[in-house]
Amino acid sequence: MIVDDHKEARERLCIALKKFSDIKVVSEAVDGMEAIRVVKRSRPDVVVMDINMPKMNGIDATASILKSHPQLPVIGFSFFLAGRLRAAMLEAGARMVLDKKIHVDALYAAIRSVVNRATVG
């Protein structure tokens, strides 16, 4: 699942991840509030969550989602990781936090890593 308030960012991620046959984007959300609703409906294996969004940010959405889905891996994803944002996202329960400038192959590796840890652990 991809959560980002920028349509173009979601579309770029969906297109980039299509090159990996074992990854399928099952749902998208435009903010944290929608992400909470969509997780319940779509049951993703992992959430790639933008941190800075209107209505509800990724930090609050991650904490809320993990209350009812504690095993769901969430990857924080943002251009702006200065200050306490990275720490706050990890404190909310994200398994890792990545810079949006990361290459898609590294994002794929991160997704596989958190999904494998969730399956094994």
Protein backbone atom coordinates (compact mmCIF):
# COMPACT_ATOMS: atom_id res chain seq x y z
CA MET A 1 0.00 0.00 0.00
CA ILE A 2 1.25 3.48 -0.83
CA VAL A 3 0.20 6.51 1.21
CA ASP A 4 1.16 9.92 -0.16
CA ASP A 5 -0.74 13.16 -0.58
CA HIS A 6 0.87 13.79 -3.98
CA LYS A 7 -0.83 11.89 -6.79
CA GLU A 8 2.28 12.05 -8.96
CA ALA A 9 4.40 10.51 -6.21
CA ARG A 10 1.96 7.62 -5.80
CA GLU A 11 1.83 7.08 -9.56
CA ARG A 12 5.65 7.11 -9.86
CA LEU A 13 5.97 4.56 -7.08
CA CYS A 14 3.32 2.30 -8.58
CA ILE A 15 5.03 2.40 -11.98
CA ALA A 16 8.51 1.87 -10.49
CA LEU A 17 7.40 -1.10 -8.36
CA LYS A 18 5.74 -2.83 -11.33
CA LYS A 19 9.17 -3.98 -12.49
CA PHE A 20 9.23 -6.40 -9.54
CA SER A 21 7.00 -9.41 -10.22
CA ASP A 22 6.57 -10.25 -6.53
CA ILE A 23 5.24 -6.81 -5.58
CA LYS A 24 1.73 -5.58 -6.22
CA VAL A 25 0.37 -2.26 -5.02
CA VAL A 26 -3.04 -3.29 -3.68
CA SER A 27 -4.19 0.13 -2.52
CA GLU A 28 -3.38 3.80 -2.18
CA ALA A 29 -4.37 6.58 0.19
CA VAL A 30 -3.96 10.36 0.07
CA ASP A 31 -3.57 11.04 3.80
CA GLY A 32 -3.31 9.32 7.14
CA MET A 33 -7.04 9.27 7.81
CA GLU A 34 -7.75 7.54 4.52
CA ALA A 35 -4.83 5.15 5.13
CA ILE A 36 -6.43 3.92 8.36
CA ARG A 37 -9.68 3.15 6.53
CA VAL A 38 -8.01 1.57 3.50
CA VAL A 39 -5.74 -0.73 5.56
CA LYS A 40 -8.80 -2.34 7.11
CA ARG A 41 -10.31 -2.95 3.67
CA SER A 42 -7.28 -3.94 1.58
CA ARG A 43 -5.14 -5.84 4.11
CA PRO A 44 -1.73 -4.96 2.61
CA ASP A 45 1.45 -6.85 3.51
CA VAL A 46 3.37 -3.58 3.92
CA VAL A 47 2.62 0.16 3.94
CA VAL A 48 4.93 2.76 2.42
CA MET A 49 3.85 5.86 4.34
CA ASP A 50 4.68 9.47 3.53
CA ILE A 51 5.34 11.39 6.73
CA ASN A 52 4.19 14.91 5.86
CA MET A 53 0.54 14.95 4.79
CA PRO A 54 -2.56 17.06 5.45
CA LYS A 55 -5.45 15.97 7.69
CA MET A 56 -3.34 13.32 9.47
CA ASN A 57 0.40 12.91 9.09
CA GLY A 58 2.18 9.60 8.61
CA ILE A 59 3.42 9.49 12.20
CA ASP A 60 -0.07 9.62 13.70
CA ALA A 61 -1.48 7.32 11.02
CA THR A 62 1.25 4.74 11.63
CA ALA A 63 0.60 4.73 15.38
CA SER A 64 -3.14 4.36 14.80
CA ILE A 65 -2.81 1.61 12.20
CA LEU A 66 -0.41 -0.39 14.36
CA LYS A 67 -2.82 -0.34 17.30
CA SER A 68 -5.19 -2.58 15.36
CA HIS A 69 -2.60 -4.23 13.06
CA PRO A 70 0.55 -4.55 15.20
CA GLN A 71 2.33 -6.95 12.84
CA LEU A 72 1.85 -4.79 9.72
CA PRO A 73 5.22 -3.43 8.58
CA VAL A 74 5.23 0.30 7.86
CA ILE A 75 8.06 2.05 6.04
CA GLY A 76 8.24 5.80 6.58
CA PHE A 77 9.02 7.67 3.38
CA SER A 78 9.83 11.38 3.09
CA PHE A 79 12.02 14.05 1.53
CA PHE A 80 12.09 15.86 4.86
CA LEU A 81 13.78 13.77 7.54
CA ALA A 82 15.41 16.59 9.49
CA GLY A 83 14.95 17.09 13.18
CA ARG A 84 12.83 14.57 15.01
CA LEU A 85 10.76 13.31 12.07
CA ARG A 86 12.78 10.11 11.60
CA ALA A 87 12.80 9.37 15.33
CA ALA A 88 9.09 10.17 15.69
CA MET A 89 8.19 7.84 12.81
CA LEU A 90 10.22 5.03 14.36
CA GLU A 91 8.66 5.72 17.76
CA ALA A 92 5.23 5.42 16.11
CA GLY A 93 6.20 1.90 15.05
CA ALA A 94 7.62 2.18 11.54
CA ARG A 95 10.14 -0.57 10.84
CA MET A 96 12.38 1.86 8.94
CA VAL A 97 12.38 5.35 7.50
CA LEU A 98 13.71 6.08 4.02
CA ASP A 99 14.47 9.19 2.04
CA LYS A 100 12.22 9.54 -1.01
CA LYS A 101 15.35 10.06 -3.11
CA ILE A 102 16.22 6.38 -2.62
CA HIS A 103 16.58 4.27 -5.77
CA VAL A 104 13.64 1.96 -6.45
CA ASP A 105 15.89 -1.11 -6.11
CA ALA A 106 16.75 -0.05 -2.56
CA LEU A 107 13.07 0.55 -1.79
CA TYR A 108 12.29 -2.91 -3.13
CA ALA A 109 15.00 -4.41 -0.90
CA ALA A 110 13.56 -2.54 2.09
CA ILE A 111 10.05 -3.80 1.34
CA ARG A 112 11.27 -7.39 1.02
CA SER A 113 13.25 -7.04 4.23
CA VAL A 114 10.34 -5.81 6.38
CA VAL A 115 7.89 -8.29 4.87
CA ASN A 116 10.30 -11.18 5.44
CA ARG A 117 10.88 -10.09 9.05
CA ALA A 118 7.10 -9.86 9.60
CA THR A 119 6.61 -13.35 8.16
CA VAL A 120 9.45 -14.94 10.15
CA GLY A 121 9.04 -12.98 13.37
